[in-house]
């Protein structure tokens, strides 16, 4: 896809099982690479989506609700918007970003997501908690060989 083409979506609806995390990570990475994202951007997206999907599976509230998680990736000429929904419906209270520490294993994934993506938002929906992550595309300036941010 090039900057003159329209946006498109890739969707995943998978059972709430950890064996699907790699499928989503690798699938989105491949699509991002095909869409012209740099290797570093693809690395960032792969790690961030892996953390978000892992959290949705591990911490999503599934009692009496969906046994699936939903991931939607919208590729546009200048950005990638990823929504991860956990399918929960009983309680949806996004906690503040946990403070990572050497003694606490929890919260490091959120720290990674926030550092690797350009924008991160959490909100409650009718289908549970949704994490929205945005990665802006950086175009490589062929004449100078340096990254140049795309027009937003």
C-alpha atoms as a PDB file:
ATOM      1  CA  UNK A   1       0.000   0.000   0.000  1.00  0.00           C
ATOM      2  CA  UNK A   2       1.272   3.507  -0.705  1.00  0.00           C
ATOM      3  CA  UNK A   3       0.232   6.916   0.581  1.00  0.00           C
ATOM      4  CA  UNK A   4      -2.253   7.394  -2.298  1.00  0.00           C
ATOM      5  CA  UNK A   5      -4.373   4.380  -1.366  1.00  0.00           C
ATOM      6  CA  UNK A   6      -7.327   4.211   0.990  1.00  0.00           C
ATOM      7  CA  UNK A   7      -7.285   2.720   4.446  1.00  0.00           C
ATOM      8  CA  UNK A   8      -8.138  -0.908   5.197  1.00  0.00           C
ATOM      9  CA  UNK A   9      -8.828  -3.079   8.249  1.00  0.00           C
ATOM     10  CA  UNK A  10      -7.538  -6.400   9.482  1.00  0.00           C
ATOM     11  CA  UNK A  11      -9.613  -8.041  12.201  1.00  0.00           C
ATOM     12  CA  UNK A  12      -9.013 -10.926  14.579  1.00  0.00           C
ATOM     13  CA  UNK A  13     -11.689 -12.548  16.711  1.00  0.00           C
ATOM     14  CA  UNK A  14     -10.019 -15.356  18.657  1.00  0.00           C
ATOM     15  CA  UNK A  15     -10.750 -17.468  21.722  1.00  0.00           C
ATOM     16  CA  UNK A  16      -9.410 -16.152  25.006  1.00  0.00           C
ATOM     17  CA  UNK A  17      -6.335 -18.406  24.828  1.00  0.00           C
ATOM     18  CA  UNK A  18      -2.659 -17.495  24.955  1.00  0.00           C
ATOM     19  CA  UNK A  19      -1.818 -19.681  21.962  1.00  0.00           C
ATOM     20  CA  UNK A  20      -3.337 -16.986  19.702  1.00  0.00           C
ATOM     21  CA  UNK A  21      -1.064 -14.153  20.874  1.00  0.00           C
ATOM     22  CA  UNK A  22       1.743 -15.092  18.460  1.00  0.00           C
ATOM     23  CA  UNK A  23      -0.692 -15.385  15.539  1.00  0.00           C
ATOM     24  CA  UNK A  24      -1.939 -11.835  16.108  1.00  0.00           C
ATOM     25  CA  UNK A  25       1.553 -10.408  16.749  1.00  0.00           C
ATOM     26  CA  UNK A  26       3.035 -11.956  13.612  1.00  0.00           C
ATOM     27  CA  UNK A  27      -0.002 -11.221  11.448  1.00  0.00           C
ATOM     28  CA  UNK A  28      -0.051  -7.530  12.328  1.00  0.00           C
ATOM     29  CA  UNK A  29       3.739  -7.263  11.989  1.00  0.00           C
ATOM     30  CA  UNK A  30       3.573  -8.781   8.501  1.00  0.00           C
ATOM     31  CA  UNK A  31       0.773  -6.413   7.451  1.00  0.00           C
ATOM     32  CA  UNK A  32       2.677  -3.402   8.855  1.00  0.00           C
ATOM     33  CA  UNK A  33       5.822  -4.420   6.954  1.00  0.00           C
ATOM     34  CA  UNK A  34       3.827  -4.821   3.735  1.00  0.00           C
ATOM     35  CA  UNK A  35       2.275  -1.409   4.395  1.00  0.00           C
ATOM     36  CA  UNK A  36       5.694   0.284   4.440  1.00  0.00           C
ATOM     37  CA  UNK A  37       6.464   0.566   8.143  1.00  0.00           C
ATOM     38  CA  UNK A  38      10.152   0.446   9.055  1.00  0.00           C
ATOM     39  CA  UNK A  39      11.632  -2.573  10.827  1.00  0.00           C
ATOM     40  CA  UNK A  40      11.809  -0.579  14.050  1.00  0.00           C
ATOM     41  CA  UNK A  41       8.157   0.461  13.749  1.00  0.00           C
ATOM     42  CA  UNK A  42       7.224  -3.174  13.085  1.00  0.00           C
ATOM     43  CA  UNK A  43       9.183  -4.246  16.174  1.00  0.00           C
ATOM     44  CA  UNK A  44       7.349  -1.623  18.255  1.00  0.00           C
ATOM     45  CA  UNK A  45       3.933  -2.665  16.956  1.00  0.00           C
ATOM     46  CA  UNK A  46       4.643  -6.376  17.436  1.00  0.00           C
ATOM     47  CA  UNK A  47       5.679  -5.960  21.074  1.00  0.00           C
ATOM     48  CA  UNK A  48       2.864  -3.522  21.932  1.00  0.00           C
ATOM     49  CA  UNK A  49       0.084  -5.614  20.400  1.00  0.00           C
ATOM     50  CA  UNK A  50       1.482  -8.727  22.048  1.00  0.00           C
ATOM     51  CA  UNK A  51       1.350  -7.036  25.453  1.00  0.00           C
ATOM     52  CA  UNK A  52      -2.175  -5.670  24.900  1.00  0.00           C
ATOM     53  CA  UNK A  53      -3.554  -9.021  23.713  1.00  0.00           C
ATOM     54  CA  UNK A  54      -1.834 -10.863  26.573  1.00  0.00           C
ATOM     55  CA  UNK A  55      -3.412  -8.432  29.047  1.00  0.00           C
ATOM     56  CA  UNK A  56      -6.847  -8.847  27.438  1.00  0.00           C
ATOM     57  CA  UNK A  57      -6.581 -12.620  27.788  1.00  0.00           C
ATOM     58  CA  UNK A  58      -5.068 -12.628  31.286  1.00  0.00           C
ATOM     59  CA  UNK A  59      -7.089  -9.861  32.916  1.00  0.00           C
ATOM     60  CA  UNK A  60     -10.254  -9.542  30.827  1.00  0.00           C
ATOM     61  CA  UNK A  61     -13.401 -10.361  32.713  1.00  0.00           C
ATOM     62  CA  UNK A  62     -15.056 -13.268  30.921  1.00  0.00           C
ATOM     63  CA  UNK A  63     -17.634 -14.526  33.451  1.00  0.00           C
ATOM     64  CA  UNK A  64     -20.915 -14.753  31.566  1.00  0.00           C
ATOM     65  CA  UNK A  65     -19.462 -12.738  28.689  1.00  0.00           C
ATOM     66  CA  UNK A  66     -17.669 -13.359  25.454  1.00  0.00           C
ATOM     67  CA  UNK A  67     -15.077 -16.121  25.435  1.00  0.00           C
ATOM     68  CA  UNK A  68     -13.274 -14.249  22.657  1.00  0.00           C
ATOM     69  CA  UNK A  69     -11.123 -11.178  22.316  1.00  0.00           C
ATOM     70  CA  UNK A  70     -11.374  -8.816  19.371  1.00  0.00           C
ATOM     71  CA  UNK A  71      -8.544  -6.976  17.633  1.00  0.00           C
ATOM     72  CA  UNK A  72      -9.100  -4.447  14.849  1.00  0.00           C
ATOM     73  CA  UNK A  73      -6.198  -2.880  12.971  1.00  0.00           C
ATOM     74  CA  UNK A  74      -6.921   0.105  10.733  1.00  0.00           C
ATOM     75  CA  UNK A  75      -4.113   0.889   8.303  1.00  0.00           C
ATOM     76  CA  UNK A  76      -4.291   4.346   6.740  1.00  0.00           C
ATOM     77  CA  UNK A  77      -1.639   6.094   4.675  1.00  0.00           C
ATOM     78  CA  UNK A  78      -0.165   7.851   7.720  1.00  0.00           C
ATOM     79  CA  UNK A  79      -0.959   5.687  10.752  1.00  0.00           C
ATOM     80  CA  UNK A  80      -1.953   2.365  12.185  1.00  0.00           C
ATOM     81  CA  UNK A  81      -4.774   2.317  14.762  1.00  0.00           C
ATOM     82  CA  UNK A  82      -5.086  -0.892  16.789  1.00  0.00           C
ATOM     83  CA  UNK A  83      -8.069  -1.602  19.047  1.00  0.00           C
ATOM     84  CA  UNK A  84      -7.928  -4.548  21.448  1.00  0.00           C
ATOM     85  CA  UNK A  85     -11.159  -5.436  23.294  1.00  0.00           C
ATOM     86  CA  UNK A  86     -11.213  -7.991  26.081  1.00  0.00           C
ATOM     87  CA  UNK A  87     -14.860  -9.081  25.707  1.00  0.00           C
ATOM     88  CA  UNK A  88     -15.629  -8.571  29.397  1.00  0.00           C
ATOM     89  CA  UNK A  89     -18.940  -7.131  30.540  1.00  0.00           C
ATOM     90  CA  UNK A  90     -19.263  -7.317  34.332  1.00  0.00           C
ATOM     91  CA  UNK A  91     -16.831  -4.615  35.386  1.00  0.00           C
ATOM     92  CA  UNK A  92     -14.762  -2.249  33.347  1.00  0.00           C
ATOM     93  CA  UNK A  93     -12.764   0.180  35.394  1.00  0.00           C
ATOM     94  CA  UNK A  94      -9.473   1.038  33.744  1.00  0.00           C
ATOM     95  CA  UNK A  95      -6.827   1.333  36.393  1.00  0.00           C
ATOM     96  CA  UNK A  96      -4.195   4.012  36.150  1.00  0.00           C
ATOM     97  CA  UNK A  97      -0.957   2.936  34.540  1.00  0.00           C
ATOM     98  CA  UNK A  98       0.806   0.724  37.095  1.00  0.00           C
ATOM     99  CA  UNK A  99       4.179   1.963  38.266  1.00  0.00           C
ATOM    100  CA  UNK A 100       6.750  -0.656  37.253  1.00  0.00           C
ATOM    101  CA  UNK A 101       9.406  -1.628  39.739  1.00  0.00           C
ATOM    102  CA  UNK A 102      12.119  -4.248  40.005  1.00  0.00           C
ATOM    103  CA  UNK A 103      10.078  -6.028  42.673  1.00  0.00           C
ATOM    104  CA  UNK A 104       6.792  -6.017  40.742  1.00  0.00           C
ATOM    105  CA  UNK A 105       6.263  -7.959  37.516  1.00  0.00           C
ATOM    106  CA  UNK A 106       2.915  -6.285  36.847  1.00  0.00           C
ATOM    107  CA  UNK A 107       2.790  -3.034  34.895  1.00  0.00           C
ATOM    108  CA  UNK A 108       5.816  -3.527  32.679  1.00  0.00           C
ATOM    109  CA  UNK A 109       3.653  -4.390  29.668  1.00  0.00           C
ATOM    110  CA  UNK A 110       1.729  -1.117  30.012  1.00  0.00           C
ATOM    111  CA  UNK A 111       5.009   0.757  30.267  1.00  0.00           C
ATOM    112  CA  UNK A 112       6.220  -0.885  27.054  1.00  0.00           C
ATOM    113  CA  UNK A 113       2.974  -0.152  25.224  1.00  0.00           C
ATOM    114  CA  UNK A 114       3.111   3.522  26.205  1.00  0.00           C
ATOM    115  CA  UNK A 115       6.766   3.866  25.238  1.00  0.00           C
ATOM    116  CA  UNK A 116       6.525   2.034  21.916  1.00  0.00           C
ATOM    117  CA  UNK A 117       3.311   3.523  20.554  1.00  0.00           C
ATOM    118  CA  UNK A 118       2.665   7.166  19.696  1.00  0.00           C
ATOM    119  CA  UNK A 119      -0.702   7.270  21.462  1.00  0.00           C
ATOM    120  CA  UNK A 120      -2.476   4.936  23.890  1.00  0.00           C
ATOM    121  CA  UNK A 121      -6.011   5.285  25.256  1.00  0.00           C
ATOM    122  CA  UNK A 122      -8.131   3.020  27.433  1.00  0.00           C
ATOM    123  CA  UNK A 123     -11.918   3.147  27.598  1.00  0.00           C
ATOM    124  CA  UNK A 124     -14.864   1.031  28.625  1.00  0.00           C
ATOM    125  CA  UNK A 125     -17.299  -0.166  25.974  1.00  0.00           C
ATOM    126  CA  UNK A 126     -20.344  -2.439  25.913  1.00  0.00           C
ATOM    127  CA  UNK A 127     -17.882  -5.231  25.081  1.00  0.00           C
ATOM    128  CA  UNK A 128     -15.431  -4.667  27.920  1.00  0.00           C
ATOM    129  CA  UNK A 129     -12.235  -2.686  28.130  1.00  0.00           C
ATOM    130  CA  UNK A 130     -10.736  -1.421  24.900  1.00  0.00           C
ATOM    131  CA  UNK A 131      -7.135  -0.376  24.451  1.00  0.00           C
ATOM    132  CA  UNK A 132      -6.501   1.862  21.445  1.00  0.00           C
ATOM    133  CA  UNK A 133      -2.897   2.163  20.275  1.00  0.00           C
ATOM    134  CA  UNK A 134      -1.722   4.412  17.448  1.00  0.00           C
ATOM    135  CA  UNK A 135       1.549   4.191  15.546  1.00  0.00           C
ATOM    136  CA  UNK A 136       2.351   7.018  13.150  1.00  0.00           C
ATOM    137  CA  UNK A 137       4.163   5.997   9.989  1.00  0.00           C
ATOM    138  CA  UNK A 138       7.652   7.383   9.473  1.00  0.00           C
ATOM    139  CA  UNK A 139       8.741   7.690   5.847  1.00  0.00           C
ATOM    140  CA  UNK A 140      12.403   7.223   4.987  1.00  0.00           C
ATOM    141  CA  UNK A 141      13.847  10.201   3.147  1.00  0.00           C
ATOM    142  CA  UNK A 142      15.631   8.407   0.288  1.00  0.00           C
ATOM    143  CA  UNK A 143      17.980  11.297  -0.509  1.00  0.00           C
ATOM    144  CA  UNK A 144      19.197  11.830   3.051  1.00  0.00           C
ATOM    145  CA  UNK A 145      18.530   8.352   4.467  1.00  0.00           C
ATOM    146  CA  UNK A 146      16.900   9.730   7.597  1.00  0.00           C
ATOM    147  CA  UNK A 147      13.407   9.220   9.028  1.00  0.00           C
ATOM    148  CA  UNK A 148      10.849  11.906   8.275  1.00  0.00           C
ATOM    149  CA  UNK A 149       7.494  11.988  10.045  1.00  0.00           C
ATOM    150  CA  UNK A 150       4.519  11.660   7.728  1.00  0.00           C
ATOM    151  CA  UNK A 151       1.903  14.376   7.363  1.00  0.00           C
ATOM    152  CA  UNK A 152      -0.976  13.869   9.768  1.00  0.00           C
END
